[in-house]
Each structure stands twice: as C-alpha cells, then as structure tokens.
PDB file of N, CA and C in Angstrom:
ATOM      1  N   MET A   1      97.545  93.946 111.238  1.00  0.00           N
ATOM      2  CA  MET A   1      97.696  94.056 109.832  1.00  0.00           C
ATOM      3  C   MET A   1      98.827  95.137 109.470  1.00  0.00           C
ATOM      4  N   THR A   2      99.686  94.789 108.711  1.00  0.00           N
ATOM      5  CA  THR A   2     100.883  95.582 108.377  1.00  0.00           C
ATOM      6  C   THR A   2     100.676  96.324 107.027  1.00  0.00           C
ATOM      7  N   MET A   3     100.702  97.563 106.911  1.00  0.00           N
ATOM      8  CA  MET A   3     100.538  98.318 105.627  1.00  0.00           C
ATOM      9  C   MET A   3     101.928  98.827 105.171  1.00  0.00           C
ATOM     10  N   ALA A   4     102.335  98.558 104.012  1.00  0.00           N
ATOM     11  CA  ALA A   4     103.436  98.910 103.393  1.00  0.00           C
ATOM     12  C   ALA A   4     103.294 100.463 102.833  1.00  0.00           C
ATOM     13  N   VAL A   5     104.384 101.190 103.087  1.00  0.00           N
ATOM     14  CA  VAL A   5     104.346 102.629 102.505  1.00  0.00           C
ATOM     15  C   VAL A   5     105.419 102.559 101.486  1.00  0.00           C
ATOM     16  N   LEU A   6     105.017 103.037 100.385  1.00  0.00           N
ATOM     17  CA  LEU A   6     106.090 103.123  99.222  1.00  0.00           C
ATOM     18  C   LEU A   6     106.380 104.646  98.801  1.00  0.00           C
ATOM     19  N   THR A   7     107.589 104.594  98.195  1.00  0.00           N
ATOM     20  CA  THR A   7     108.138 105.899  97.726  1.00  0.00           C
ATOM     21  C   THR A   7     107.528 106.080  96.262  1.00  0.00           C
ATOM     22  N   VAL A   8     107.702 107.292  95.782  1.00  0.00           N
ATOM     23  CA  VAL A   8     107.260 107.473  94.549  1.00  0.00           C
ATOM     24  C   VAL A   8     107.934 106.548  93.390  1.00  0.00           C
ATOM     25  N   ASP A   9     109.239 106.455  93.545  1.00  0.00           N
ATOM     26  CA  ASP A   9     110.097 105.631  92.699  1.00  0.00           C
ATOM     27  C   ASP A   9     109.539 104.144  92.738  1.00  0.00           C
ATOM     28  N   GLN A  10     109.320 103.779  93.914  1.00  0.00           N
ATOM     29  CA  GLN A  10     108.746 102.269  93.997  1.00  0.00           C
ATOM     30  C   GLN A  10     107.377 102.133  93.352  1.00  0.00           C
ATOM     31  N   VAL A  11     106.554 103.010  93.474  1.00  0.00           N
ATOM     32  CA  VAL A  11     105.166 103.088  92.928  1.00  0.00           C
ATOM     33  C   VAL A  11     105.399 103.078  91.309  1.00  0.00           C
ATOM     34  N   ALA A  12     106.269 103.996  90.884  1.00  0.00           N
ATOM     35  CA  ALA A  12     106.573 104.091  89.401  1.00  0.00           C
ATOM     36  C   ALA A  12     107.084 102.632  88.961  1.00  0.00           C
ATOM     37  N   GLU A  13     107.890 102.104  89.588  1.00  0.00           N
ATOM     38  CA  GLU A  13     108.412 100.809  89.085  1.00  0.00           C
ATOM     39  C   GLU A  13     107.238  99.726  89.209  1.00  0.00           C
ATOM     40  N   ARG A  14     106.481  99.655  90.117  1.00  0.00           N
ATOM     41  CA  ARG A  14     105.235  98.727  90.252  1.00  0.00           C
ATOM     42  C   ARG A  14     104.335  98.850  89.210  1.00  0.00           C
ATOM     43  N   LEU A  15     104.022 100.193  88.766  1.00  0.00           N
ATOM     44  CA  LEU A  15     103.006 100.348  87.814  1.00  0.00           C
ATOM     45  C   LEU A  15     103.691 100.450  86.374  1.00  0.00           C
ATOM     46  N   GLY A  16     105.006 100.502  86.310  1.00  0.00           N
ATOM     47  CA  GLY A  16     105.642 100.500  85.029  1.00  0.00           C
ATOM     48  C   GLY A  16     105.506 101.832  84.299  1.00  0.00           C
ATOM     49  N   ILE A  17     105.529 102.873  85.047  1.00  0.00           N
ATOM     50  CA  ILE A  17     105.407 104.306  84.595  1.00  0.00           C
ATOM     51  C   ILE A  17     106.509 105.104  85.162  1.00  0.00           C
ATOM     52  N   SER A  18     106.660 106.341  84.676  1.00  0.00           N
ATOM     53  CA  SER A  18     107.740 107.186  85.045  1.00  0.00           C
ATOM     54  C   SER A  18     107.328 107.893  86.450  1.00  0.00           C
ATOM     55  N   ARG A  19     108.276 108.194  87.052  1.00  0.00           N
ATOM     56  CA  ARG A  19     108.097 108.974  88.437  1.00  0.00           C
ATOM     57  C   ARG A  19     107.311 110.259  88.176  1.00  0.00           C
ATOM     58  N   TRP A  20     107.577 110.919  87.062  1.00  0.00           N
ATOM     59  CA  TRP A  20     106.817 112.103  86.679  1.00  0.00           C
ATOM     60  C   TRP A  20     105.252 111.865  86.564  1.00  0.00           C
ATOM     61  N   LYS A  21     105.016 110.718  85.955  1.00  0.00           N
ATOM     62  CA  LYS A  21     103.599 110.350  85.855  1.00  0.00           C
ATOM     63  C   LYS A  21     102.953 110.074  87.221  1.00  0.00           C
ATOM     64  N   VAL A  22     103.730 109.466  88.149  1.00  0.00           N
ATOM     65  CA  VAL A  22     103.220 109.231  89.494  1.00  0.00           C
ATOM     66  C   VAL A  22     102.810 110.620  90.049  1.00  0.00           C
ATOM     67  N   HIS A  23     103.752 111.527  89.953  1.00  0.00           N
ATOM     68  CA  HIS A  23     103.390 112.929  90.493  1.00  0.00           C
ATOM     69  C   HIS A  23     102.244 113.564  89.778  1.00  0.00           C
ATOM     70  N   ASP A  24     102.034 113.284  88.586  1.00  0.00           N
ATOM     71  CA  ASP A  24     100.862 113.791  87.859  1.00  0.00           C
ATOM     72  C   ASP A  24      99.685 113.166  88.394  1.00  0.00           C
ATOM     73  N   LEU A  25      99.666 111.762  88.739  1.00  0.00           N
ATOM     74  CA  LEU A  25      98.542 111.104  89.352  1.00  0.00           C
ATOM     75  C   LEU A  25      98.245 111.690  90.752  1.00  0.00           C
ATOM     76  N   ILE A  26      99.241 111.976  91.487  1.00  0.00           N
ATOM     77  CA  ILE A  26      99.044 112.542  92.850  1.00  0.00           C
ATOM     78  C   ILE A  26      98.470 113.859  92.719  1.00  0.00           C
ATOM     79  N   ARG A  27      98.903 114.865  91.911  1.00  0.00           N
ATOM     80  CA  ARG A  27      98.602 116.206  91.594  1.00  0.00           C
ATOM     81  C   ARG A  27      97.016 116.192  91.299  1.00  0.00           C
ATOM     82  N   SER A  28      96.509 115.154  90.414  1.00  0.00           N
ATOM     83  CA  SER A  28      95.230 115.220  89.916  1.00  0.00           C
ATOM     84  C   SER A  28      94.327 114.375  90.853  1.00  0.00           C
ATOM     85  N   ARG A  29      94.825 113.971  92.026  1.00  0.00           N
ATOM     86  CA  ARG A  29      94.091 113.342  93.008  1.00  0.00           C
ATOM     87  C   ARG A  29      93.631 111.986  92.583  1.00  0.00           C
ATOM     88  N   GLU A  30      94.222 111.336  91.573  1.00  0.00           N
ATOM     89  CA  GLU A  30      93.810 109.948  91.138  1.00  0.00           C
ATOM     90  C   GLU A  30      94.463 109.027  92.098  1.00  0.00           C
ATOM     91  N   LEU A  31      95.721 109.443  92.620  1.00  0.00           N
ATOM     92  CA  LEU A  31      96.490 108.512  93.546  1.00  0.00           C
ATOM     93  C   LEU A  31      96.626 109.215  94.888  1.00  0.00           C
ATOM     94  N   THR A  32      96.206 108.565  95.943  1.00  0.00           N
ATOM     95  CA  THR A  32      96.226 109.247  97.152  1.00  0.00           C
ATOM     96  C   THR A  32      97.757 109.127  97.926  1.00  0.00           C
ATOM     97  N   SER A  33      98.109 110.214  98.419  1.00  0.00           N
ATOM     98  CA  SER A  33      99.420 110.156  98.991  1.00  0.00           C
ATOM     99  C   SER A  33      99.478 111.038 100.258  1.00  0.00           C
ATOM    100  N   PHE A  34     100.671 110.945 100.893  1.00  0.00           N
ATOM    101  CA  PHE A  34     100.682 111.861 102.121  1.00  0.00           C
ATOM    102  C   PHE A  34     102.288 112.206 102.196  1.00  0.00           C
ATOM    103  N   LYS A  35     102.660 113.227 102.983  1.00  0.00           N
ATOM    104  CA  LYS A  35     103.918 113.483 103.276  1.00  0.00           C
ATOM    105  C   LYS A  35     104.472 113.272 104.631  1.00  0.00           C
ATOM    106  N   ILE A  36     105.607 112.751 104.886  1.00  0.00           N
ATOM    107  CA  ILE A  36     106.200 112.507 106.073  1.00  0.00           C
ATOM    108  C   ILE A  36     107.456 113.603 105.974  1.00  0.00           C
ATOM    109  N   GLY A  37     107.479 114.645 106.677  1.00  0.00           N
ATOM    110  CA  GLY A  37     108.384 115.692 106.405  1.00  0.00           C
ATOM    111  C   GLY A  37     108.296 116.330 105.157  1.00  0.00           C
ATOM    112  N   ARG A  38     109.449 116.131 104.318  1.00  0.00           N
ATOM    113  CA  ARG A  38     109.622 116.475 102.984  1.00  0.00           C
ATOM    114  C   ARG A  38     109.326 115.332 102.017  1.00  0.00           C
ATOM    115  N   CYS A  39     109.122 114.099 102.600  1.00  0.00           N
ATOM    116  CA  CYS A  39     109.171 112.846 101.754  1.00  0.00           C
ATOM    117  C   CYS A  39     107.653 112.538 101.352  1.00  0.00           C
ATOM    118  N   ARG A  40     107.488 112.297 100.115  1.00  0.00           N
ATOM    119  CA  ARG A  40     106.113 112.002  99.682  1.00  0.00           C
ATOM    120  C   ARG A  40     106.073 110.304  99.858  1.00  0.00           C
ATOM    121  N   ARG A  41     104.871 109.908 100.213  1.00  0.00           N
ATOM    122  CA  ARG A  41     104.741 108.432 100.435  1.00  0.00           C
ATOM    123  C   ARG A  41     103.191 108.091 100.036  1.00  0.00           C
ATOM    124  N   ILE A  42     103.235 106.678  99.456  1.00  0.00           N
ATOM    125  CA  ILE A  42     101.894 106.241  98.918  1.00  0.00           C
ATOM    126  C   ILE A  42     101.763 104.915  99.594  1.00  0.00           C
ATOM    127  N   SER A  43     100.523 104.622 100.215  1.00  0.00           N
ATOM    128  CA  SER A  43     100.286 103.334 100.736  1.00  0.00           C
ATOM    129  C   SER A  43     100.023 102.288  99.621  1.00  0.00           C
ATOM    130  N   GLU A  44     100.314 101.052  99.936  1.00  0.00           N
ATOM    131  CA  GLU A  44     100.044 100.099  99.100  1.00  0.00           C
ATOM    132  C   GLU A  44      98.518 100.002  98.862  1.00  0.00           C
ATOM    133  N   ALA A  45      97.669 100.212  99.690  1.00  0.00           N
ATOM    134  CA  ALA A  45      96.276 100.275  99.577  1.00  0.00           C
ATOM    135  C   ALA A  45      95.837 101.340  98.545  1.00  0.00           C
ATOM    136  N   ALA A  46      96.450 102.449  98.518  1.00  0.00           N
ATOM    137  CA  ALA A  46      96.118 103.469  97.703  1.00  0.00           C
ATOM    138  C   ALA A  46      96.537 103.056  96.154  1.00  0.00           C
ATOM    139  N   VAL A  47      97.760 102.327  96.078  1.00  0.00           N
ATOM    140  CA  VAL A  47      98.075 101.873  94.737  1.00  0.00           C
ATOM    141  C   VAL A  47      97.005 100.780  94.276  1.00  0.00           C
ATOM    142  N   ALA A  48      96.583  99.854  95.180  1.00  0.00           N
ATOM    143  CA  ALA A  48      95.608  98.909  94.784  1.00  0.00           C
ATOM    144  C   ALA A  48      94.221  99.494  94.316  1.00  0.00           C
ATOM    145  N   ALA A  49      93.908 100.609  95.154  1.00  0.00           N
ATOM    146  CA  ALA A  49      92.506 101.270  94.771  1.00  0.00           C
ATOM    147  C   ALA A  49      92.668 101.944  93.506  1.00  0.00           C
ATOM    148  N   TYR A  50      93.817 102.499  93.118  1.00  0.00           N
ATOM    149  CA  TYR A  50      94.034 103.136  91.858  1.00  0.00           C
ATOM    150  C   TYR A  50      93.981 102.108  90.731  1.00  0.00           C
ATOM    151  N   ILE A  51      94.560 100.955  90.951  1.00  0.00           N
ATOM    152  CA  ILE A  51      94.565  99.933  89.861  1.00  0.00           C
ATOM    153  C   ILE A  51      93.129  99.341  89.695  1.00  0.00           C
ATOM    154  N   SER A  52      92.370  99.236  90.822  1.00  0.00           N
ATOM    155  CA  SER A  52      90.992  98.647  90.690  1.00  0.00           C
ATOM    156  C   SER A  52      90.140  99.644  89.966  1.00  0.00           C
ATOM    157  N   LEU A  53      90.339 101.087  90.295  1.00  0.00           N
ATOM    158  CA  LEU A  53      89.592 101.985  89.552  1.00  0.00           C
ATOM    159  C   LEU A  53      89.847 101.999  88.144  1.00  0.00           C
ATOM    160  N   ARG A  54      91.067 101.925  87.705  1.00  0.00           N
ATOM    161  CA  ARG A  54      91.406 101.840  86.300  1.00  0.00           C
ATOM    162  C   ARG A  54      90.820 100.751  85.623  1.00  0.00           C
ATOM    163  N   ILE A  55      90.867  99.519  86.254  1.00  0.00           N
ATOM    164  CA  ILE A  55      90.347  98.350  85.623  1.00  0.00           C
ATOM    165  C   ILE A  55      88.817  98.535  85.482  1.00  0.00           C
ATOM    166  N   GLU A  56      88.183  99.006  86.472  1.00  0.00           N
ATOM    167  CA  GLU A  56      86.649  99.273  86.290  1.00  0.00           C
ATOM    168  C   GLU A  56      86.424 100.299  85.229  1.00  0.00           C
ATOM    169  N   GLN A  57      87.208 101.340  85.004  1.00  0.00           N
ATOM    170  CA  GLN A  57      86.968 102.307  83.984  1.00  0.00           C
ATOM    171  C   GLN A  57      87.237 101.792  82.638  1.00  0.00           C
ATOM    172  N   GLU A  58      88.237 100.863  82.551  1.00  0.00           N
ATOM    173  CA  GLU A  58      88.506 100.270  81.218  1.00  0.00           C
ATOM    174  C   GLU A  58      87.485  99.318  80.893  1.00  0.00           C
ATOM    175  N   ALA A  59      86.827  98.612  81.768  1.00  0.00           N
ATOM    176  CA  ALA A  59      85.764  97.551  81.559  1.00  0.00           C
ATOM    177  C   ALA A  59      84.524  98.304  81.214  1.00  0.00           C
ATOM    178  N   ALA A  60      84.328  99.464  81.558  1.00  0.00           N
ATOM    179  CA  ALA A  60      83.046 100.158  81.267  1.00  0.00           C
ATOM    180  C   ALA A  60      82.953 100.654  79.852  1.00  0.00           C
TER     181      ALA A  60
END
C-alpha cells in the first residue's frame, strides 16, 4: 500500500482553503501532520480523516 504525503500548499489546494488555514488546523490538532527536517507534511489519510470528521459533524 502506497501512502502519499502532501505539502501544506497541496492540502490547501485540495481543500480549497488558504495555507494559513491549514496551519491553523494543524495547530489546533484537527489535522494531523509531521515534520521531515524543517518541512511540514500531511498524509492523504490524515486529510481523508479530517474530511470524514467534518462531514459527520455537519450531519449531526
């Protein structure tokens, strides 16, 4: 199984939000990320989990 790792800019583009909002989501721990050296990365699985959580919250 191959898991893609995305940059903050790529996540922002996929979600249709600003890169600053992505950083806010990371800071608030709503979106899981990790660092490789000085570079912040987010797995596709973390993005999918965030989207699923938001959909569940909106449906409730």
